[in-house]
Amino acid sequence: MCLAIPGRVVEIRNDENGVRMARANFGGIVKQVCLEYTPEAEVGNYVLVHVGFALGIVDEKEAEQTYQALKNMDQLGELDDPQPAPDRVTSNGSSP
């Protein structure tokens, strides 16, 4: 099953290729998210994220209800997958 998980946008920037990226908070876990499909997203918005892409904006109440439902179904495991921090990636794309 493919799920979109709500996260709160805490920072927006363009990466080195000009792609609009964000740091999004998912219940205390912060991940990098691509905002190219949601150009209207702003800091403080909740976005639904699937495989690293924000697909839409939802209000805070809907985000909380969705997150809680996913938590109750034990469907938040993908948030635990380790991701190298952007500042720890070497020029060849590997982690130190």
PDB file of N, CA and C in Angstrom:
ATOM      1  N   MET A   1       0.846  -1.176   0.000  1.00  0.00           N
ATOM      2  CA  MET A   1       0.000   0.000   0.000  1.00  0.00           C
ATOM      3  C   MET A   1       0.890   1.237   0.000  1.00  0.00           C
ATOM      4  N   CYS A   2       0.543   2.208  -0.799  1.00  0.00           N
ATOM      5  CA  CYS A   2       1.286   3.469  -0.856  1.00  0.00           C
ATOM      6  C   CYS A   2       0.559   4.501  -0.007  1.00  0.00           C
ATOM      7  N   LEU A   3       1.313   5.138   0.871  1.00  0.00           N
ATOM      8  CA  LEU A   3       0.721   6.114   1.775  1.00  0.00           C
ATOM      9  C   LEU A   3       1.416   7.458   1.643  1.00  0.00           C
ATOM     10  N   ALA A   4       0.671   8.507   1.846  1.00  0.00           N
ATOM     11  CA  ALA A   4       1.235   9.848   1.954  1.00  0.00           C
ATOM     12  C   ALA A   4       1.149  10.245   3.418  1.00  0.00           C
ATOM     13  N   ILE A   5       2.257  10.719   3.954  1.00  0.00           N
ATOM     14  CA  ILE A   5       2.349  11.049   5.369  1.00  0.00           C
ATOM     15  C   ILE A   5       2.410  12.565   5.526  1.00  0.00           C
ATOM     16  N   PRO A   6       1.609  13.143   6.437  1.00  0.00           N
ATOM     17  CA  PRO A   6       1.634  14.588   6.619  1.00  0.00           C
ATOM     18  C   PRO A   6       2.867  15.038   7.408  1.00  0.00           C
ATOM     19  N   GLY A   7       3.468  16.117   6.941  1.00  0.00           N
ATOM     20  CA  GLY A   7       4.601  16.726   7.633  1.00  0.00           C
ATOM     21  C   GLY A   7       4.480  18.239   7.600  1.00  0.00           C
ATOM     22  N   ARG A   8       5.007  18.887   8.617  1.00  0.00           N
ATOM     23  CA  ARG A   8       4.949  20.357   8.713  1.00  0.00           C
ATOM     24  C   ARG A   8       6.237  20.938   8.137  1.00  0.00           C
ATOM     25  N   VAL A   9       6.099  21.839   7.180  1.00  0.00           N
ATOM     26  CA  VAL A   9       7.245  22.485   6.544  1.00  0.00           C
ATOM     27  C   VAL A   9       7.887  23.435   7.543  1.00  0.00           C
ATOM     28  N   VAL A  10       9.185  23.224   7.810  1.00  0.00           N
ATOM     29  CA  VAL A  10       9.890  24.076   8.769  1.00  0.00           C
ATOM     30  C   VAL A  10      10.941  24.966   8.098  1.00  0.00           C
ATOM     31  N   GLU A  11      11.311  24.636   6.863  1.00  0.00           N
ATOM     32  CA  GLU A  11      12.300  25.441   6.138  1.00  0.00           C
ATOM     33  C   GLU A  11      12.157  25.151   4.654  1.00  0.00           C
ATOM     34  N   ILE A  12      12.317  26.189   3.819  1.00  0.00           N
ATOM     35  CA  ILE A  12      12.273  26.032   2.369  1.00  0.00           C
ATOM     36  C   ILE A  12      13.523  26.663   1.779  1.00  0.00           C
ATOM     37  N   ARG A  13      14.098  25.975   0.791  1.00  0.00           N
ATOM     38  CA  ARG A  13      15.263  26.505   0.091  1.00  0.00           C
ATOM     39  C   ARG A  13      15.324  25.865  -1.285  1.00  0.00           C
ATOM     40  N   ASN A  14      16.138  26.418  -2.159  1.00  0.00           N
ATOM     41  CA  ASN A  14      16.419  25.795  -3.450  1.00  0.00           C
ATOM     42  C   ASN A  14      17.733  25.047  -3.327  1.00  0.00           C
ATOM     43  N   ASP A  15      17.779  23.814  -3.863  1.00  0.00           N
ATOM     44  CA  ASP A  15      19.029  23.068  -3.809  1.00  0.00           C
ATOM     45  C   ASP A  15      19.983  23.582  -4.887  1.00  0.00           C
ATOM     46  N   GLU A  16      21.140  22.932  -5.023  1.00  0.00           N
ATOM     47  CA  GLU A  16      22.161  23.405  -5.955  1.00  0.00           C
ATOM     48  C   GLU A  16      21.713  23.353  -7.410  1.00  0.00           C
ATOM     49  N   ASN A  17      20.638  22.607  -7.716  1.00  0.00           N
ATOM     50  CA  ASN A  17      20.091  22.530  -9.075  1.00  0.00           C
ATOM     51  C   ASN A  17      18.871  23.423  -9.265  1.00  0.00           C
ATOM     52  N   GLY A  18      18.535  24.202  -8.244  1.00  0.00           N
ATOM     53  CA  GLY A  18      17.378  25.087  -8.327  1.00  0.00           C
ATOM     54  C   GLY A  18      16.060  24.413  -7.998  1.00  0.00           C
ATOM     55  N   VAL A  19      16.093  23.194  -7.478  1.00  0.00           N
ATOM     56  CA  VAL A  19      14.871  22.471  -7.110  1.00  0.00           C
ATOM     57  C   VAL A  19      14.399  22.962  -5.746  1.00  0.00           C
ATOM     58  N   ARG A  20      13.124  23.284  -5.660  1.00  0.00           N
ATOM     59  CA  ARG A  20      12.538  23.790  -4.413  1.00  0.00           C
ATOM     60  C   ARG A  20      12.387  22.639  -3.421  1.00  0.00           C
ATOM     61  N   MET A  21      13.124  22.722  -2.325  1.00  0.00           N
ATOM     62  CA  MET A  21      13.158  21.665  -1.309  1.00  0.00           C
ATOM     63  C   MET A  21      12.747  22.243   0.041  1.00  0.00           C
ATOM     64  N   ALA A  22      12.349  21.342   0.931  1.00  0.00           N
ATOM     65  CA  ALA A  22      11.961  21.754   2.282  1.00  0.00           C
ATOM     66  C   ALA A  22      12.473  20.751   3.287  1.00  0.00           C
ATOM     67  N   ARG A  23      12.578  21.216   4.503  1.00  0.00           N
ATOM     68  CA  ARG A  23      12.731  20.323   5.648  1.00  0.00           C
ATOM     69  C   ARG A  23      11.340  20.246   6.252  1.00  0.00           C
ATOM     70  N   ALA A  24      10.847  19.018   6.438  1.00  0.00           N
ATOM     71  CA  ALA A  24       9.511  18.820   6.988  1.00  0.00           C
ATOM     72  C   ALA A  24       9.608  17.961   8.241  1.00  0.00           C
ATOM     73  N   ASN A  25       8.806  18.321   9.236  1.00  0.00           N
ATOM     74  CA  ASN A  25       8.789  17.625  10.521  1.00  0.00           C
ATOM     75  C   ASN A  25       7.625  16.643  10.533  1.00  0.00           C
ATOM     76  N   PHE A  26       7.959  15.365  10.752  1.00  0.00           N
ATOM     77  CA  PHE A  26       6.974  14.298  10.829  1.00  0.00           C
ATOM     78  C   PHE A  26       6.966  13.767  12.257  1.00  0.00           C
ATOM     79  N   GLY A  27       6.237  14.398  13.138  1.00  0.00           N
ATOM     80  CA  GLY A  27       6.151  13.927  14.513  1.00  0.00           C
ATOM     81  C   GLY A  27       7.490  13.871  15.219  1.00  0.00           C
ATOM     82  N   GLY A  28       8.363  14.820  14.947  1.00  0.00           N
ATOM     83  CA  GLY A  28       9.664  14.887  15.598  1.00  0.00           C
ATOM     84  C   GLY A  28      10.814  14.412  14.727  1.00  0.00           C
ATOM     85  N   ILE A  29      10.529  13.788  13.604  1.00  0.00           N
ATOM     86  CA  ILE A  29      11.559  13.365  12.659  1.00  0.00           C
ATOM     87  C   ILE A  29      11.546  14.330  11.491  1.00  0.00           C
ATOM     88  N   VAL A  30      12.695  14.924  11.194  1.00  0.00           N
ATOM     89  CA  VAL A  30      12.783  15.914  10.117  1.00  0.00           C
ATOM     90  C   VAL A  30      13.440  15.268   8.906  1.00  0.00           C
ATOM     91  N   LYS A  31      12.794  15.427   7.742  1.00  0.00           N
ATOM     92  CA  LYS A  31      13.283  14.849   6.486  1.00  0.00           C
ATOM     93  C   LYS A  31      13.262  15.903   5.388  1.00  0.00           C
ATOM     94  N   GLN A  32      14.081  15.664   4.363  1.00  0.00           N
ATOM     95  CA  GLN A  32      14.083  16.512   3.176  1.00  0.00           C
ATOM     96  C   GLN A  32      12.906  16.115   2.284  1.00  0.00           C
ATOM     97  N   VAL A  33      12.221  17.120   1.720  1.00  0.00           N
ATOM     98  CA  VAL A  33      11.042  16.899   0.900  1.00  0.00           C
ATOM     99  C   VAL A  33      11.128  17.803  -0.321  1.00  0.00           C
ATOM    100  N   CYS A  34      10.778  17.280  -1.477  1.00  0.00           N
ATOM    101  CA  CYS A  34      10.725  18.079  -2.698  1.00  0.00           C
ATOM    102  C   CYS A  34       9.372  18.790  -2.775  1.00  0.00           C
ATOM    103  N   LEU A  35       9.392  20.099  -3.041  1.00  0.00           N
ATOM    104  CA  LEU A  35       8.166  20.903  -3.126  1.00  0.00           C
ATOM    105  C   LEU A  35       7.800  21.280  -4.558  1.00  0.00           C
ATOM    106  N   GLU A  36       8.421  20.664  -5.543  1.00  0.00           N
ATOM    107  CA  GLU A  36       8.164  21.038  -6.938  1.00  0.00           C
ATOM    108  C   GLU A  36       6.709  20.830  -7.351  1.00  0.00           C
ATOM    109  N   TYR A  37       6.015  19.856  -6.759  1.00  0.00           N
ATOM    110  CA  TYR A  37       4.609  19.613  -7.089  1.00  0.00           C
ATOM    111  C   TYR A  37       3.650  20.485  -6.278  1.00  0.00           C
ATOM    112  N   THR A  38       4.180  21.184  -5.280  1.00  0.00           N
ATOM    113  CA  THR A  38       3.353  22.060  -4.436  1.00  0.00           C
ATOM    114  C   THR A  38       4.038  23.422  -4.299  1.00  0.00           C
ATOM    115  N   PRO A  39       4.114  24.180  -5.396  1.00  0.00           N
ATOM    116  CA  PRO A  39       4.824  25.458  -5.359  1.00  0.00           C
ATOM    117  C   PRO A  39       4.192  26.474  -4.409  1.00  0.00           C
ATOM    118  N   GLU A  40       2.931  26.264  -4.041  1.00  0.00           N
ATOM    119  CA  GLU A  40       2.249  27.197  -3.139  1.00  0.00           C
ATOM    120  C   GLU A  40       2.554  26.925  -1.666  1.00  0.00           C
ATOM    121  N   ALA A  41       3.247  25.831  -1.364  1.00  0.00           N
ATOM    122  CA  ALA A  41       3.557  25.479   0.030  1.00  0.00           C
ATOM    123  C   ALA A  41       4.473  26.526   0.655  1.00  0.00           C
ATOM    124  N   GLU A  42       4.207  26.847   1.907  1.00  0.00           N
ATOM    125  CA  GLU A  42       4.975  27.828   2.660  1.00  0.00           C
ATOM    126  C   GLU A  42       5.386  27.229   4.005  1.00  0.00           C
ATOM    127  N   VAL A  43       6.364  27.846   4.641  1.00  0.00           N
ATOM    128  CA  VAL A  43       6.769  27.428   5.980  1.00  0.00           C
ATOM    129  C   VAL A  43       5.548  27.478   6.891  1.00  0.00           C
ATOM    130  N   GLY A  44       5.343  26.412   7.647  1.00  0.00           N
ATOM    131  CA  GLY A  44       4.196  26.316   8.544  1.00  0.00           C
ATOM    132  C   GLY A  44       3.066  25.488   7.977  1.00  0.00           C
ATOM    133  N   ASN A  45       3.028  25.308   6.643  1.00  0.00           N
ATOM    134  CA  ASN A  45       2.005  24.462   6.024  1.00  0.00           C
ATOM    135  C   ASN A  45       2.264  22.995   6.327  1.00  0.00           C
ATOM    136  N   TYR A  46       1.196  22.220   6.308  1.00  0.00           N
ATOM    137  CA  TYR A  46       1.298  20.766   6.386  1.00  0.00           C
ATOM    138  C   TYR A  46       1.144  20.232   4.973  1.00  0.00           C
ATOM    139  N   VAL A  47       2.071  19.359   4.572  1.00  0.00           N
ATOM    140  CA  VAL A  47       2.031  18.779   3.245  1.00  0.00           C
ATOM    141  C   VAL A  47       1.943  17.262   3.359  1.00  0.00           C
ATOM    142  N   LEU A  48       1.247  16.643   2.408  1.00  0.00           N
ATOM    143  CA  LEU A  48       1.202  15.186   2.333  1.00  0.00           C
ATOM    144  C   LEU A  48       2.376  14.744   1.480  1.00  0.00           C
ATOM    145  N   VAL A  49       3.214  13.866   2.028  1.00  0.00           N
ATOM    146  CA  VAL A  49       4.458  13.469   1.376  1.00  0.00           C
ATOM    147  C   VAL A  49       4.435  11.981   1.055  1.00  0.00           C
ATOM    148  N   HIS A  50       4.790  11.676  -0.188  1.00  0.00           N
ATOM    149  CA  HIS A  50       4.936  10.287  -0.624  1.00  0.00           C
ATOM    150  C   HIS A  50       6.279  10.158  -1.321  1.00  0.00           C
ATOM    151  N   VAL A  51       7.097   9.221  -0.886  1.00  0.00           N
ATOM    152  CA  VAL A  51       8.449   8.967  -1.390  1.00  0.00           C
ATOM    153  C   VAL A  51       9.258  10.246  -1.604  1.00  0.00           C
ATOM    154  N   GLY A  52       9.163  11.157  -0.639  1.00  0.00           N
ATOM    155  CA  GLY A  52       9.975  12.362  -0.660  1.00  0.00           C
ATOM    156  C   GLY A  52       9.404  13.534  -1.429  1.00  0.00           C
ATOM    157  N   PHE A  53       8.217  13.393  -1.998  1.00  0.00           N
ATOM    158  CA  PHE A  53       7.590  14.467  -2.754  1.00  0.00           C
ATOM    159  C   PHE A  53       6.319  14.940  -2.050  1.00  0.00           C
ATOM    160  N   ALA A  54       6.200  16.248  -1.841  1.00  0.00           N
ATOM    161  CA  ALA A  54       4.967  16.815  -1.294  1.00  0.00           C
ATOM    162  C   ALA A  54       3.935  16.831  -2.416  1.00  0.00           C
ATOM    163  N   LEU A  55       2.796  16.192  -2.181  1.00  0.00           N
ATOM    164  CA  LEU A  55       1.770  16.055  -3.217  1.00  0.00           C
ATOM    165  C   LEU A  55       0.591  16.990  -3.031  1.00  0.00           C
ATOM    166  N   GLY A  56       0.452  17.563  -1.844  1.00  0.00           N
ATOM    167  CA  GLY A  56      -0.656  18.455  -1.576  1.00  0.00           C
ATOM    168  C   GLY A  56      -0.534  19.063  -0.194  1.00  0.00           C
ATOM    169  N   ILE A  57      -1.302  20.097   0.040  1.00  0.00           N
ATOM    170  CA  ILE A  57      -1.320  20.792   1.329  1.00  0.00           C
ATOM    171  C   ILE A  57      -2.606  20.413   2.048  1.00  0.00           C
ATOM    172  N   VAL A  58      -2.497  20.164   3.358  1.00  0.00           N
ATOM    173  CA  VAL A  58      -3.669  19.863   4.179  1.00  0.00           C
ATOM    174  C   VAL A  58      -3.647  20.788   5.403  1.00  0.00           C
ATOM    175  N   ASP A  59      -4.809  20.946   6.031  1.00  0.00           N
ATOM    176  CA  ASP A  59      -4.831  21.776   7.228  1.00  0.00           C
ATOM    177  C   ASP A  59      -4.307  20.971   8.420  1.00  0.00           C
ATOM    178  N   GLU A  60      -4.021  21.670   9.505  1.00  0.00           N
ATOM    179  CA  GLU A  60      -3.409  21.049  10.677  1.00  0.00           C
ATOM    180  C   GLU A  60      -4.277  19.934  11.262  1.00  0.00           C
ATOM    181  N   LYS A  61      -5.574  20.146  11.325  1.00  0.00           N
ATOM    182  CA  LYS A  61      -6.470  19.134  11.899  1.00  0.00           C
ATOM    183  C   LYS A  61      -6.430  17.851  11.077  1.00  0.00           C
ATOM    184  N   GLU A  62      -6.511  17.975   9.760  1.00  0.00           N
ATOM    185  CA  GLU A  62      -6.459  16.794   8.894  1.00  0.00           C
ATOM    186  C   GLU A  62      -5.105  16.097   9.003  1.00  0.00           C
ATOM    187  N   ALA A  63      -4.032  16.885   9.089  1.00  0.00           N
ATOM    188  CA  ALA A  63      -2.694  16.312   9.231  1.00  0.00           C
ATOM    189  C   ALA A  63      -2.586  15.500  10.521  1.00  0.00           C
ATOM    190  N   GLU A  64      -3.087  16.051  11.618  1.00  0.00           N
ATOM    191  CA  GLU A  64      -3.034  15.346  12.902  1.00  0.00           C
ATOM    192  C   GLU A  64      -3.855  14.063  12.869  1.00  0.00           C
ATOM    193  N   GLN A  65      -5.052  14.117  12.284  1.00  0.00           N
ATOM    194  CA  GLN A  65      -5.909  12.932  12.206  1.00  0.00           C
ATOM    195  C   GLN A  65      -5.261  11.853  11.340  1.00  0.00           C
ATOM    196  N   THR A  66      -4.682  12.250  10.217  1.00  0.00           N
ATOM    197  CA  THR A  66      -4.031  11.290   9.319  1.00  0.00           C
ATOM    198  C   THR A  66      -2.822  10.662   9.992  1.00  0.00           C
ATOM    199  N   TYR A  67      -1.988  11.493  10.622  1.00  0.00           N
ATOM    200  CA  TYR A  67      -0.799  10.985  11.298  1.00  0.00           C
ATOM    201  C   TYR A  67      -1.185   9.998  12.399  1.00  0.00           C
ATOM    202  N   GLN A  68      -2.201  10.330  13.173  1.00  0.00           N
ATOM    203  CA  GLN A  68      -2.635   9.445  14.259  1.00  0.00           C
ATOM    204  C   GLN A  68      -3.176   8.134  13.709  1.00  0.00           C
ATOM    205  N   ALA A  69      -3.950   8.194  12.627  1.00  0.00           N
ATOM    206  CA  ALA A  69      -4.485   6.966  12.028  1.00  0.00           C
ATOM    207  C   ALA A  69      -3.349   6.081  11.522  1.00  0.00           C
ATOM    208  N   LEU A  70      -2.346   6.668  10.872  1.00  0.00           N
ATOM    209  CA  LEU A  70      -1.202   5.898  10.387  1.00  0.00           C
ATOM    210  C   LEU A  70      -0.415   5.300  11.551  1.00  0.00           C
ATOM    211  N   LYS A  71      -0.283   6.065  12.618  1.00  0.00           N
ATOM    212  CA  LYS A  71       0.410   5.570  13.804  1.00  0.00           C
ATOM    213  C   LYS A  71      -0.346   4.383  14.396  1.00  0.00           C
ATOM    214  N   ASN A  72      -1.655   4.491  14.492  1.00  0.00           N
ATOM    215  CA  ASN A  72      -2.471   3.405  15.048  1.00  0.00           C
ATOM    216  C   ASN A  72      -2.381   2.135  14.202  1.00  0.00           C
ATOM    217  N   MET A  73      -2.183   2.288  12.888  1.00  0.00           N
ATOM    218  CA  MET A  73      -2.059   1.139  11.991  1.00  0.00           C
ATOM    219  C   MET A  73      -0.613   0.676  11.851  1.00  0.00           C
ATOM    220  N   ASP A  74       0.295   1.289  12.612  1.00  0.00           N
ATOM    221  CA  ASP A  74       1.715   0.952  12.561  1.00  0.00           C
ATOM    222  C   ASP A  74       2.273   1.101  11.146  1.00  0.00           C
ATOM    223  N   GLN A  75       1.942   2.222  10.498  1.00  0.00           N
ATOM    224  CA  GLN A  75       2.346   2.471   9.117  1.00  0.00           C
ATOM    225  C   GLN A  75       3.364   3.602   8.990  1.00  0.00           C
ATOM    226  N   LEU A  76       4.062   3.930  10.072  1.00  0.00           N
ATOM    227  CA  LEU A  76       5.020   5.033  10.029  1.00  0.00           C
ATOM    228  C   LEU A  76       6.467   4.554   9.996  1.00  0.00           C
ATOM    229  N   GLY A  77       6.684   3.277   9.722  1.00  0.00           N
ATOM    230  CA  GLY A  77       8.024   2.705   9.734  1.00  0.00           C
ATOM    231  C   GLY A  77       8.989   3.361   8.777  1.00  0.00           C
ATOM    232  N   GLU A  78       8.509   3.858   7.628  1.00  0.00           N
ATOM    233  CA  GLU A  78       9.422   4.463   6.666  1.00  0.00           C
ATOM    234  C   GLU A  78      10.082   5.725   7.204  1.00  0.00           C
ATOM    235  N   LEU A  79       9.523   6.311   8.238  1.00  0.00           N
ATOM    236  CA  LEU A  79      10.155   7.485   8.842  1.00  0.00           C
ATOM    237  C   LEU A  79      11.421   7.108   9.597  1.00  0.00           C
ATOM    238  N   ASP A  80      11.540   5.844   9.982  1.00  0.00           N
ATOM    239  CA  ASP A  80      12.702   5.397  10.729  1.00  0.00           C
ATOM    240  C   ASP A  80      13.896   5.070   9.844  1.00  0.00           C
ATOM    241  N   ASP A  81      13.698   4.995   8.518  1.00  0.00           N
ATOM    242  CA  ASP A  81      14.795   4.676   7.615  1.00  0.00           C
ATOM    243  C   ASP A  81      15.846   5.766   7.684  1.00  0.00           C
ATOM    244  N   PRO A  82      17.119   5.399   7.877  1.00  0.00           N
ATOM    245  CA  PRO A  82      18.162   6.414   7.965  1.00  0.00           C
ATOM    246  C   PRO A  82      18.383   7.097   6.625  1.00  0.00           C
ATOM    247  N   GLN A  83      18.617   8.390   6.674  1.00  0.00           N
ATOM    248  CA  GLN A  83      18.929   9.201   5.506  1.00  0.00           C
ATOM    249  C   GLN A  83      20.161  10.003   5.842  1.00  0.00           C
ATOM    250  N   PRO A  84      21.169  10.039   4.958  1.00  0.00           N
ATOM    251  CA  PRO A  84      22.333  10.854   5.284  1.00  0.00           C
ATOM    252  C   PRO A  84      21.948  12.324   5.340  1.00  0.00           C
ATOM    253  N   ALA A  85      22.501  13.015   6.313  1.00  0.00           N
ATOM    254  CA  ALA A  85      22.268  14.456   6.413  1.00  0.00           C
ATOM    255  C   ALA A  85      22.895  15.125   5.203  1.00  0.00           C
ATOM    256  N   PRO A  86      22.235  16.161   4.625  1.00  0.00           N
ATOM    257  CA  PRO A  86      22.757  16.803   3.420  1.00  0.00           C
ATOM    258  C   PRO A  86      24.180  17.332   3.588  1.00  0.00           C
ATOM    259  N   ASP A  87      24.548  17.767   4.776  1.00  0.00           N
ATOM    260  CA  ASP A  87      25.878  18.324   4.980  1.00  0.00           C
ATOM    261  C   ASP A  87      26.923  17.230   5.191  1.00  0.00           C
ATOM    262  N   ARG A  88      26.509  15.965   5.205  1.00  0.00           N
ATOM    263  CA  ARG A  88      27.444  14.856   5.403  1.00  0.00           C
ATOM    264  C   ARG A  88      27.635  14.040   4.132  1.00  0.00           C
ATOM    265  N   VAL A  89      27.131  14.509   3.006  1.00  0.00           N
ATOM    266  CA  VAL A  89      27.292  13.802   1.758  1.00  0.00           C
ATOM    267  C   VAL A  89      28.499  14.370   1.032  1.00  0.00           C
ATOM    268  N   THR A  90      29.385  13.489   0.557  1.00  0.00           N
ATOM    269  CA  THR A  90      30.595  13.934  -0.122  1.00  0.00           C
ATOM    270  C   THR A  90      30.287  14.308  -1.560  1.00  0.00           C
ATOM    271  N   SER A  91      31.259  14.846  -2.256  1.00  0.00           N
ATOM    272  CA  SER A  91      31.053  15.307  -3.620  1.00  0.00           C
ATOM    273  C   SER A  91      30.703  14.160  -4.579  1.00  0.00           C
ATOM    274  N   ASN A  92      31.096  12.924  -4.271  1.00  0.00           N
ATOM    275  CA  ASN A  92      30.756  11.798  -5.139  1.00  0.00           C
ATOM    276  C   ASN A  92      29.412  11.163  -4.769  1.00  0.00           C
ATOM    277  N   GLY A  93      28.693  11.771  -3.813  1.00  0.00           N
ATOM    278  CA  GLY A  93      27.362  11.325  -3.442  1.00  0.00           C
ATOM    279  C   GLY A  93      27.327  10.292  -2.343  1.00  0.00           C
ATOM    280  N   SER A  94      28.484   9.864  -1.854  1.00  0.00           N
ATOM    281  CA  SER A  94      28.486   8.856  -0.802  1.00  0.00           C
ATOM    282  C   SER A  94      28.636   9.518   0.561  1.00  0.00           C
ATOM    283  N   SER A  95      28.251   8.790   1.585  1.00  0.00           N
ATOM    284  CA  SER A  95      28.396   9.296   2.950  1.00  0.00           C
ATOM    285  C   SER A  95      29.780   8.958   3.462  1.00  0.00           C
ATOM    286  N   PRO A  96      30.348   9.805   4.325  1.00  0.00           N
ATOM    287  CA  PRO A  96      31.681   9.521   4.864  1.00  0.00           C
ATOM    288  C   PRO A  96      31.705   8.307   5.762  1.00  0.00           C
TER     289      PRO A  96
END
